[in-house]
Amino acid sequence: AEDGIRDDLVTGVQTCALPICQSNFSFLEGASHPEELVEEAARLGYSALALTDECSLAGVVRAHQKAREIGLHLIVGTRVRLHGGLDLVLLALTLRGYGNLTEFVTRGRRSAEKGVYSLSLAALDGGMGDCAVVWLAGTSAQSWQGTWLARRFPGRVWLGVALSRAVDDPLRLAGLSELARACRLPMVAVGQVLMHNAARRPVSDVVRAIRAGCTVAELGVTRPANGERHLRSRAELARLYPASMLAESLRIASLTRFSLDEIEYRYPREVVEIGRAHV
């Protein structure tokens, strides 16, 4: 059964891992324009792409325009790092979910100085209706965090797993699998993408150095060990991830059907009585 799923993911029209991307609208982090990410995803045969800039929706209009032009489904979302260590990706499932996302991002930006944001766990108390959540659990993640998320997002939260061909990938995968079992959360394969292709790595390194206030040579161990933070072929991703995690990525993509085309202007009601001229 798993081989059948894997073959379908490689040869079909679907993506292999949920392509969670940050563009250059994630200031001093992403190294590609939204349009470049969309075009590369289409070239690789993806059927969907998630643009999830950090506490921002600023790049989604450009991504949407390009995605509509070439026929790619754009998943609208954002990534946030909350006080307390939770690293989350929030994805709009519906128009209502998009409205909740915009309010959430606005609240975070208004709570801090320009250029940064501030969001606590309490910001999620409302449950963020019509949004899906992918938990990007780090090495210090604890099971209570996953349990807490599961209570607030029943049936709408996944534990995201990003594999980048690092030497500790097998160990990380084992640890995250144990965490997912403890929290009773499904695991989903994700690509934490910062550039549309590997050729953009020098730009990514420069951006990282500017963020750290040092030269590229001085980045040392903070520089990624490889250049895998780009969109990869579906066949390559199918070799990296277990089939069950790839199947969950398809499930999330099928749930996130919101499009910016659903947004319409709402003009104010006319206050002048019918038959009376404006003065």
Protein backbone atom coordinates (compact mmCIF):
# COMPACT_ATOMS: atom_id res chain seq x y z
CA ALA A 1 0.00 0.00 0.00
CA GLU A 2 2.79 2.41 0.87
CA ASP A 3 4.55 1.70 -2.44
CA GLY A 4 1.31 2.49 -4.23
CA ILE A 5 0.98 5.81 -2.43
CA ARG A 6 4.60 6.66 -3.16
CA ASP A 7 4.25 5.84 -6.88
CA ASP A 8 1.13 8.01 -7.10
CA LEU A 9 2.92 10.91 -5.45
CA VAL A 10 5.87 10.69 -7.82
CA THR A 11 4.04 10.13 -11.10
CA GLY A 12 0.77 11.97 -10.44
CA VAL A 13 -0.01 15.66 -10.37
CA GLN A 14 0.26 16.08 -6.63
CA THR A 15 3.08 17.37 -4.47
CA CYS A 16 5.19 15.06 -2.34
CA ALA A 17 5.74 17.31 0.67
CA LEU A 18 3.72 20.31 1.72
CA PRO A 19 5.87 23.11 0.21
CA ILE A 20 5.93 25.61 3.08
CA CYS A 21 7.86 28.57 1.67
CA GLN A 22 9.17 31.88 2.94
CA SER A 23 9.91 34.50 0.31
CA ASN A 24 11.93 37.70 0.50
CA PHE A 25 8.89 39.20 2.24
CA SER A 26 10.25 37.37 5.30
CA PHE A 27 12.79 40.14 5.89
CA LEU A 28 16.42 38.94 5.87
CA GLU A 29 15.35 35.30 5.73
CA GLY A 30 13.82 34.34 2.39
CA ALA A 31 16.04 34.60 -0.71
CA SER A 32 13.50 34.37 -3.55
CA HIS A 33 10.59 36.42 -4.82
CA PRO A 34 7.08 34.95 -4.41
CA GLU A 35 6.74 34.74 -8.20
CA GLU A 36 9.96 32.74 -8.47
CA LEU A 37 8.73 30.21 -5.92
CA VAL A 38 5.43 29.78 -7.77
CA GLU A 39 7.11 29.37 -11.15
CA GLU A 40 9.60 26.82 -9.85
CA ALA A 41 6.86 24.84 -8.11
CA ALA A 42 4.95 24.65 -11.38
CA ARG A 43 8.07 23.62 -13.27
CA LEU A 44 8.63 20.78 -10.80
CA GLY A 45 5.09 19.52 -11.31
CA TYR A 46 3.67 20.62 -7.96
CA SER A 47 -0.07 21.18 -7.79
CA ALA A 48 0.07 23.49 -4.75
CA LEU A 49 2.43 25.83 -2.95
CA ALA A 50 2.09 27.32 0.55
CA LEU A 51 3.46 30.84 0.96
CA THR A 52 4.02 31.31 4.69
CA ASP A 53 6.12 34.40 5.32
CA GLU A 54 6.86 35.16 8.95
CA CYS A 55 3.95 37.02 10.56
CA SER A 56 3.16 38.52 7.19
CA LEU A 57 0.79 38.13 4.26
CA ALA A 58 2.51 40.83 2.22
CA GLY A 59 3.71 38.53 -0.56
CA VAL A 60 0.50 36.62 -1.22
CA VAL A 61 -0.89 39.03 -3.83
CA ARG A 62 2.16 38.65 -6.08
CA ALA A 63 2.17 34.91 -5.53
CA HIS A 64 -1.57 34.71 -6.24
CA GLN A 65 -1.27 36.64 -9.49
CA LYS A 66 1.47 34.35 -10.76
CA ALA A 67 -0.27 31.20 -9.49
CA ARG A 68 -3.52 32.18 -11.23
CA GLU A 69 -1.59 32.88 -14.44
CA ILE A 70 0.00 29.43 -14.56
CA GLY A 71 -2.74 27.40 -12.88
CA LEU A 72 -1.13 26.53 -9.54
CA HIS A 73 -3.11 26.31 -6.30
CA LEU A 74 -1.71 28.80 -3.80
CA ILE A 75 -2.12 28.00 -0.11
CA VAL A 76 -2.17 31.21 1.93
CA GLY A 77 -0.59 31.13 5.35
CA THR A 78 1.92 32.57 7.75
CA ARG A 79 4.63 31.34 10.09
CA VAL A 80 4.84 32.62 13.66
CA ARG A 81 7.17 32.01 16.58
CA LEU A 82 5.23 32.50 19.80
CA HIS A 83 6.52 33.38 23.24
CA GLY A 84 7.20 30.10 24.96
CA GLY A 85 8.90 28.49 21.98
CA LEU A 86 6.04 27.33 19.75
CA ASP A 87 6.93 27.57 16.05
CA LEU A 88 3.74 27.32 13.98
CA VAL A 89 2.53 27.58 10.41
CA LEU A 90 -1.10 28.70 10.10
CA LEU A 91 -2.92 28.01 6.83
CA ALA A 92 -6.23 29.55 5.72
CA LEU A 93 -8.79 26.86 4.88
CA THR A 94 -11.58 29.28 3.94
CA LEU A 95 -12.30 32.97 3.49
CA ARG A 96 -13.18 33.15 7.19
CA GLY A 97 -9.84 31.54 8.00
CA TYR A 98 -8.05 34.15 5.91
CA GLY A 99 -9.84 36.87 7.86
CA ASN A 100 -8.68 35.29 11.10
CA LEU A 101 -5.11 35.14 9.76
CA THR A 102 -5.06 38.82 8.80
CA GLU A 103 -6.40 39.80 12.23
CA PHE A 104 -3.81 37.55 13.91
CA VAL A 105 -0.91 39.03 11.93
CA THR A 106 -2.14 42.59 12.56
CA ARG A 107 -2.37 41.93 16.29
CA GLY A 108 1.18 40.59 16.35
CA ARG A 109 2.63 43.53 14.44
CA ARG A 110 0.76 46.15 16.45
CA SER A 111 2.04 44.63 19.69
CA ALA A 112 5.68 45.39 18.89
CA GLU A 113 7.97 47.95 17.28
CA LYS A 114 8.16 48.25 13.50
CA GLY A 115 9.95 45.33 11.89
CA VAL A 116 9.19 42.78 14.61
CA TYR A 117 6.12 41.18 16.15
CA SER A 118 4.98 39.83 19.50
CA LEU A 119 2.49 36.99 20.01
CA SER A 120 1.87 34.87 23.08
CA LEU A 121 0.07 31.57 23.54
CA ALA A 122 -2.99 33.56 24.61
CA ALA A 123 -3.28 34.87 21.04
CA LEU A 124 -4.46 31.40 20.02
CA ASP A 125 -7.14 31.10 22.70
CA GLY A 126 -9.86 31.83 20.16
CA GLY A 127 -8.94 28.70 18.22
CA MET A 128 -8.30 30.48 14.89
CA GLY A 129 -11.35 29.03 13.22
CA ASP A 130 -11.04 27.68 9.67
CA CYS A 131 -7.25 27.54 9.86
CA ALA A 132 -5.00 24.50 9.78
CA VAL A 133 -1.89 24.38 11.96
CA VAL A 134 1.47 22.75 11.30
CA TRP A 135 3.69 22.56 14.37
CA LEU A 136 7.39 22.87 13.50
CA ALA A 137 8.68 21.21 16.63
CA GLY A 138 12.30 21.87 17.54
CA THR A 139 14.68 19.82 19.65
CA SER A 140 13.33 21.38 22.85
CA ALA A 141 9.66 20.66 22.03
CA GLN A 142 7.59 19.03 24.75
CA SER A 143 4.53 16.82 24.56
CA TRP A 144 2.37 19.24 26.55
CA GLN A 145 2.74 21.75 23.72
CA GLY A 146 1.33 19.31 21.20
CA THR A 147 -1.49 18.34 23.56
CA TRP A 148 -2.27 22.03 24.11
CA LEU A 149 -2.44 22.63 20.36
CA ALA A 150 -4.61 19.57 19.79
CA ARG A 151 -7.20 20.88 22.26
CA ARG A 152 -7.42 24.25 20.52
CA PHE A 153 -7.34 22.95 16.96
CA PRO A 154 -9.19 19.61 17.12
CA GLY A 155 -8.58 17.71 13.89
CA ARG A 156 -6.69 20.64 12.37
CA VAL A 157 -3.12 20.31 13.69
CA TRP A 158 -0.19 18.32 12.35
CA LEU A 159 3.39 17.86 13.46
CA GLY A 160 5.57 19.00 10.56
CA VAL A 161 8.76 17.13 9.67
CA ALA A 162 11.40 18.80 7.48
CA LEU A 163 14.27 16.59 6.33
CA SER A 164 17.26 18.25 4.69
CA ARG A 165 19.71 15.37 4.17
CA ALA A 166 21.50 16.29 7.39
CA VAL A 167 23.48 13.62 9.22
CA ASP A 168 21.03 13.72 12.13
CA ASP A 169 17.88 13.31 9.98
CA PRO A 170 17.24 9.71 11.12
CA LEU A 171 17.64 10.70 14.77
CA ARG A 172 15.37 13.72 14.36
CA LEU A 173 12.75 11.65 12.59
CA ALA A 174 12.78 9.08 15.38
CA GLY A 175 12.45 11.77 18.05
CA LEU A 176 9.60 13.54 16.25
CA SER A 177 7.80 10.24 15.69
CA GLU A 178 7.91 9.57 19.43
CA LEU A 179 6.66 13.09 20.13
CA ALA A 180 3.79 12.69 17.65
CA ARG A 181 2.73 9.44 19.30
CA ALA A 182 2.78 11.06 22.73
CA CYS A 183 0.63 13.96 21.50
CA ARG A 184 -1.51 11.78 19.22
CA LEU A 185 -0.85 14.06 16.28
CA PRO A 186 -0.48 13.06 12.61
CA MET A 187 2.89 13.78 11.04
CA VAL A 188 3.22 15.60 7.73
CA ALA A 189 6.20 16.03 5.44
CA VAL A 190 7.02 19.71 4.92
CA GLY A 191 9.64 21.61 3.00
CA GLN A 192 10.86 24.64 4.93
CA VAL A 193 11.85 26.48 1.77
CA LEU A 194 13.84 29.74 1.73
CA MET A 195 14.81 29.83 -1.97
CA HIS A 196 13.30 28.59 -5.19
CA ASN A 197 16.39 26.69 -6.36
CA ALA A 198 19.84 25.73 -5.11
CA ALA A 199 21.56 28.40 -7.23
CA ARG A 200 20.13 31.03 -4.90
CA ARG A 201 22.17 29.74 -1.93
CA PRO A 202 24.84 32.52 -2.11
CA VAL A 203 22.07 35.09 -1.76
CA SER A 204 20.61 33.13 1.14
CA ASP A 205 24.01 33.12 2.86
CA VAL A 206 24.41 36.87 2.38
CA VAL A 207 20.92 37.52 3.77
CA ARG A 208 21.71 35.33 6.77
CA ALA A 209 24.99 37.21 7.36
CA ILE A 210 23.25 40.59 7.22
CA ARG A 211 20.71 39.34 9.74
CA ALA A 212 23.50 38.16 12.05
CA GLY A 213 25.54 41.35 11.57
CA CYS A 214 28.63 39.56 10.33
CA THR A 215 30.36 38.43 7.14
CA VAL A 216 29.46 35.20 5.36
CA ALA A 217 32.82 33.76 6.43
CA GLU A 218 31.99 34.54 10.06
CA LEU A 219 28.68 32.66 10.02
CA GLY A 220 30.45 29.48 11.06
CA VAL A 221 28.14 26.74 12.34
CA THR A 222 25.09 29.00 12.02
CA ARG A 223 25.37 28.59 8.25
CA PRO A 224 23.30 25.59 7.09
CA ALA A 225 25.42 22.52 6.42
CA ASN A 226 23.93 22.19 2.94
CA GLY A 227 21.75 24.03 0.44
CA GLU A 228 18.63 21.89 0.75
CA ARG A 229 16.27 24.70 1.75
CA HIS A 230 14.95 24.98 -1.80
CA LEU A 231 12.08 23.44 -3.75
CA ARG A 232 13.05 19.86 -4.60
CA SER A 233 11.73 17.41 -7.16
CA ARG A 234 8.80 15.22 -6.18
CA ALA A 235 10.85 12.09 -6.84
CA GLU A 236 13.59 13.28 -4.49
CA LEU A 237 11.10 14.08 -1.75
CA ALA A 238 9.46 10.68 -2.16
CA ARG A 239 12.82 9.07 -1.45
CA LEU A 240 13.31 11.13 1.71
CA TYR A 241 9.96 10.88 3.49
CA PRO A 242 7.78 7.99 4.67
CA ALA A 243 4.70 7.53 2.46
CA SER A 244 2.29 8.20 5.34
CA MET A 245 3.72 11.70 5.83
CA LEU A 246 3.48 12.43 2.12
CA ALA A 247 -0.16 11.36 2.12
CA GLU A 248 -0.90 13.83 4.92
CA SER A 249 0.56 16.64 2.81
CA LEU A 250 -1.98 15.82 0.11
CA ARG A 251 -4.74 15.86 2.69
CA ILE A 252 -3.82 19.34 3.91
CA ALA A 253 -3.56 20.65 0.35
CA SER A 254 -7.06 19.32 -0.38
CA LEU A 255 -8.48 21.09 2.69
CA THR A 256 -6.97 24.52 1.95
CA ARG A 257 -9.19 25.69 -0.88
CA PHE A 258 -9.22 29.43 -0.09
CA SER A 259 -8.31 31.79 -2.94
CA LEU A 260 -7.79 35.53 -2.96
CA ASP A 261 -10.30 35.60 -5.83
CA GLU A 262 -12.99 35.17 -3.17
CA ILE A 263 -12.29 38.63 -1.78
CA GLU A 264 -14.53 41.37 -3.14
CA TYR A 265 -14.74 45.07 -2.48
CA ARG A 266 -17.58 46.07 -0.18
CA TYR A 267 -18.65 49.62 -0.89
CA PRO A 268 -20.45 51.58 1.85
CA ARG A 269 -24.22 51.85 1.57
CA GLU A 270 -25.41 55.07 -0.04
CA VAL A 271 -26.62 57.53 2.61
CA VAL A 272 -28.44 59.80 0.15
CA GLU A 273 -32.10 58.98 -0.34
CA ILE A 274 -33.12 57.69 -3.75
CA GLY A 275 -34.33 60.54 -5.96
CA ARG A 276 -32.31 63.19 -4.16
CA ALA A 277 -29.27 64.76 -5.80
CA HIS A 278 -25.91 65.16 -4.09
CA VAL A 279 -25.22 68.71 -2.94
